[in-house]
Amino acid sequence: MKTIKLIAACALFTGATASFSHESMPHAAKPAAIKEQKEWGIAGDAKAVTRTITLRMGDDMRFAPSHIQVREGETVRLRAQNKGKVMHEIVIGTKTELDQHAEMMVKHPGMEHDEPYMAHVKPGQRGDIVWHFNRAGTFDFACLIAGHYQAGMTGTITVLPRAH
């Protein structure tokens, strides 16, 4: 029994040391997104991307363009470029969900979250969302950083039905 405890303690110590010692090393790419069906689609596969749509974000609290159109069944790379001097993000969802999430962000401004339908973008940087729009309808996107949503940093996505 002592041998098992010793082996377990060594494994824990080795794992802890490795996790702390890698901080100065470059981090690997994000692990593959968990594919969970949402009203507005599902996380897409980068190999299936048919086009890239660039959305610029600025400190004027606007997206440009603020409306995009895709076709049902299309996998798109949404490339968010932060042209401002403060952090911005893009989150895809329904108006109701974005309203609720924005309210939570005001109460907990430091809240961390990382879903495949979100991209947090530092000033002067860019972030990508690869999304498979498998449901027709009109959906929303927004920056949910406290105050940004309230200032009107929102947009819409129209997903047109499949062409037959």
Protein backbone atom coordinates (compact mmCIF):
# COMPACT_ATOMS: atom_id res chain seq x y z
CA MET A 1 0.00 0.00 0.00
CA LYS A 2 2.89 2.37 0.82
CA THR A 3 4.34 1.73 -2.65
CA ILE A 4 1.07 2.73 -4.33
CA LYS A 5 0.87 5.92 -2.26
CA LEU A 6 4.50 6.74 -3.09
CA ILE A 7 3.91 6.20 -6.81
CA ALA A 8 0.75 8.34 -6.69
CA ALA A 9 2.56 11.13 -4.82
CA CYS A 10 5.42 11.08 -7.34
CA ALA A 11 2.98 11.20 -10.26
CA LEU A 12 1.16 14.18 -8.74
CA PHE A 13 4.41 15.99 -8.01
CA THR A 14 5.75 15.36 -11.52
CA GLY A 15 2.48 16.53 -13.10
CA ALA A 16 2.41 19.69 -10.97
CA THR A 17 6.03 20.51 -11.74
CA ALA A 18 5.46 20.06 -15.48
CA SER A 19 2.36 22.23 -15.47
CA PHE A 20 4.08 25.10 -13.65
CA SER A 21 7.35 24.90 -15.56
CA HIS A 22 5.81 25.32 -19.03
CA GLU A 23 4.48 28.84 -18.42
CA SER A 24 7.30 30.51 -20.37
CA MET A 25 6.92 28.18 -23.33
CA PRO A 26 4.58 28.90 -26.26
CA HIS A 27 1.16 27.36 -25.82
CA ALA A 28 -0.25 24.86 -28.28
CA ALA A 29 -3.33 25.61 -30.32
CA LYS A 30 -6.69 25.42 -28.55
CA PRO A 31 -8.03 21.88 -28.28
CA ALA A 32 -10.78 20.96 -30.71
CA ALA A 33 -14.08 22.60 -29.81
CA ILE A 34 -16.79 20.50 -28.26
CA LYS A 35 -19.52 20.32 -30.87
CA GLU A 36 -22.77 21.22 -29.16
CA GLN A 37 -25.80 22.02 -31.32
CA LYS A 38 -27.08 25.54 -30.69
CA GLU A 39 -30.08 27.33 -32.17
CA TRP A 40 -27.66 29.21 -34.45
CA GLY A 41 -25.59 26.19 -35.54
CA ILE A 42 -22.68 24.10 -34.35
CA ALA A 43 -18.89 24.44 -34.10
CA GLY A 44 -17.40 23.89 -37.53
CA ASP A 45 -14.37 22.08 -38.86
CA ALA A 46 -11.66 24.39 -40.26
CA LYS A 47 -11.20 22.02 -43.21
CA ALA A 48 -14.85 22.59 -44.22
CA VAL A 49 -14.64 26.42 -44.32
CA THR A 50 -16.00 27.74 -47.62
CA ARG A 51 -15.19 31.41 -46.96
CA THR A 52 -13.88 33.88 -44.41
CA ILE A 53 -15.87 36.92 -43.34
CA THR A 54 -13.85 39.66 -41.64
CA LEU A 55 -15.59 41.70 -38.94
CA ARG A 56 -13.77 44.77 -37.68
CA MET A 57 -14.29 45.85 -34.07
CA GLY A 58 -13.46 49.32 -32.84
CA ASP A 59 -13.56 51.54 -29.81
CA ASP A 60 -16.56 53.32 -31.36
CA MET A 61 -18.39 50.20 -30.03
CA ARG A 62 -19.39 49.00 -33.50
CA PHE A 63 -18.81 46.02 -35.76
CA ALA A 64 -18.17 46.56 -39.46
CA PRO A 65 -20.04 45.08 -41.12
CA SER A 66 -22.82 44.81 -38.56
CA HIS A 67 -24.92 42.48 -40.70
CA ILE A 68 -23.76 39.37 -42.52
CA GLN A 69 -25.55 36.80 -44.62
CA VAL A 70 -24.70 33.12 -44.99
CA ARG A 71 -26.42 30.09 -46.46
CA GLU A 72 -27.76 27.20 -44.36
CA GLY A 73 -25.20 24.38 -44.47
CA GLU A 74 -22.26 26.76 -44.93
CA THR A 75 -19.18 26.58 -42.69
CA VAL A 76 -17.70 30.04 -42.28
CA ARG A 77 -14.64 31.47 -40.59
CA LEU A 78 -15.66 34.67 -38.82
CA ARG A 79 -12.43 36.63 -38.44
CA ALA A 80 -12.75 39.35 -35.79
CA GLN A 81 -10.14 42.10 -36.10
CA ASN A 82 -9.78 44.40 -33.12
CA LYS A 83 -8.88 47.82 -34.53
CA GLY A 84 -9.29 49.48 -31.12
CA LYS A 85 -7.16 50.09 -28.06
CA VAL A 86 -9.25 47.98 -25.63
CA MET A 87 -10.25 44.32 -25.50
CA HIS A 88 -13.29 43.35 -27.59
CA GLU A 89 -15.02 40.06 -28.25
CA ILE A 90 -17.55 38.53 -30.56
CA VAL A 91 -20.17 36.12 -29.25
CA ILE A 92 -22.81 34.52 -31.50
CA GLY A 93 -26.25 33.73 -30.07
CA THR A 94 -29.90 34.62 -29.88
CA LYS A 95 -30.95 38.08 -28.73
CA THR A 96 -32.38 36.59 -25.50
CA GLU A 97 -29.21 34.66 -24.67
CA LEU A 98 -26.97 37.63 -25.45
CA ASP A 99 -29.15 39.91 -23.28
CA GLN A 100 -28.84 37.47 -20.36
CA HIS A 101 -25.11 36.95 -20.84
CA ALA A 102 -24.48 40.72 -21.10
CA GLU A 103 -26.34 41.26 -17.81
CA MET A 104 -24.13 38.62 -16.17
CA MET A 105 -20.99 40.28 -17.58
CA VAL A 106 -21.97 43.61 -15.98
CA LYS A 107 -22.29 41.87 -12.58
CA HIS A 108 -19.10 39.82 -13.06
CA PRO A 109 -16.84 41.78 -15.46
CA GLY A 110 -13.83 39.52 -14.94
CA MET A 111 -15.78 36.36 -15.79
CA GLU A 112 -13.80 34.04 -18.06
CA HIS A 113 -15.53 31.94 -20.68
CA ASP A 114 -14.39 30.12 -23.77
CA GLU A 115 -16.91 28.57 -26.11
CA PRO A 116 -16.48 27.80 -29.83
CA TYR A 117 -19.00 30.57 -30.68
CA MET A 118 -16.88 33.24 -28.93
CA ALA A 119 -13.61 34.99 -29.70
CA HIS A 120 -11.85 37.38 -27.29
CA VAL A 121 -9.53 39.72 -29.15
CA LYS A 122 -6.81 41.90 -27.68
CA PRO A 123 -6.17 45.35 -29.20
CA GLY A 124 -4.53 45.11 -32.61
CA GLN A 125 -5.07 41.34 -32.78
CA ARG A 126 -7.55 39.04 -34.48
CA GLY A 127 -9.55 36.00 -33.45
CA ASP A 128 -11.46 33.39 -35.42
CA ILE A 129 -14.69 31.51 -34.95
CA VAL A 130 -15.28 28.56 -37.28
CA TRP A 131 -19.03 27.96 -37.35
CA HIS A 132 -21.31 25.62 -39.27
CA PHE A 133 -24.64 27.38 -39.85
CA ASN A 134 -26.94 24.36 -40.08
CA ARG A 135 -30.19 26.17 -39.21
CA ALA A 136 -31.88 28.94 -41.16
CA GLY A 137 -32.98 32.09 -39.33
CA THR A 138 -31.78 35.41 -38.02
CA PHE A 139 -29.27 35.34 -35.19
CA ASP A 140 -27.19 37.91 -33.37
CA PHE A 141 -23.59 38.59 -32.45
CA ALA A 142 -22.24 41.06 -29.92
CA CYS A 143 -19.36 42.17 -27.76
CA LEU A 144 -20.44 41.29 -24.22
CA ILE A 145 -17.64 43.06 -22.37
CA ALA A 146 -19.35 45.21 -19.74
CA GLY A 147 -20.64 48.42 -21.31
CA HIS A 148 -19.87 47.47 -24.92
CA TYR A 149 -23.15 45.63 -25.55
CA GLN A 150 -25.07 48.41 -23.83
CA ALA A 151 -23.33 50.94 -26.14
CA GLY A 152 -24.68 49.09 -29.18
CA MET A 153 -21.80 46.79 -30.13
CA THR A 154 -24.08 44.26 -31.83
CA GLY A 155 -24.84 42.78 -35.23
CA THR A 156 -27.01 40.22 -36.99
CA ILE A 157 -26.48 37.10 -39.06
CA THR A 158 -29.11 36.04 -41.56
CA VAL A 159 -28.87 32.35 -42.43
CA LEU A 160 -30.75 31.84 -45.69
CA PRO A 161 -32.43 28.46 -46.28
CA ARG A 162 -30.52 25.92 -48.38
CA ALA A 163 -30.77 26.44 -52.12
CA HIS A 164 -32.61 23.51 -53.69
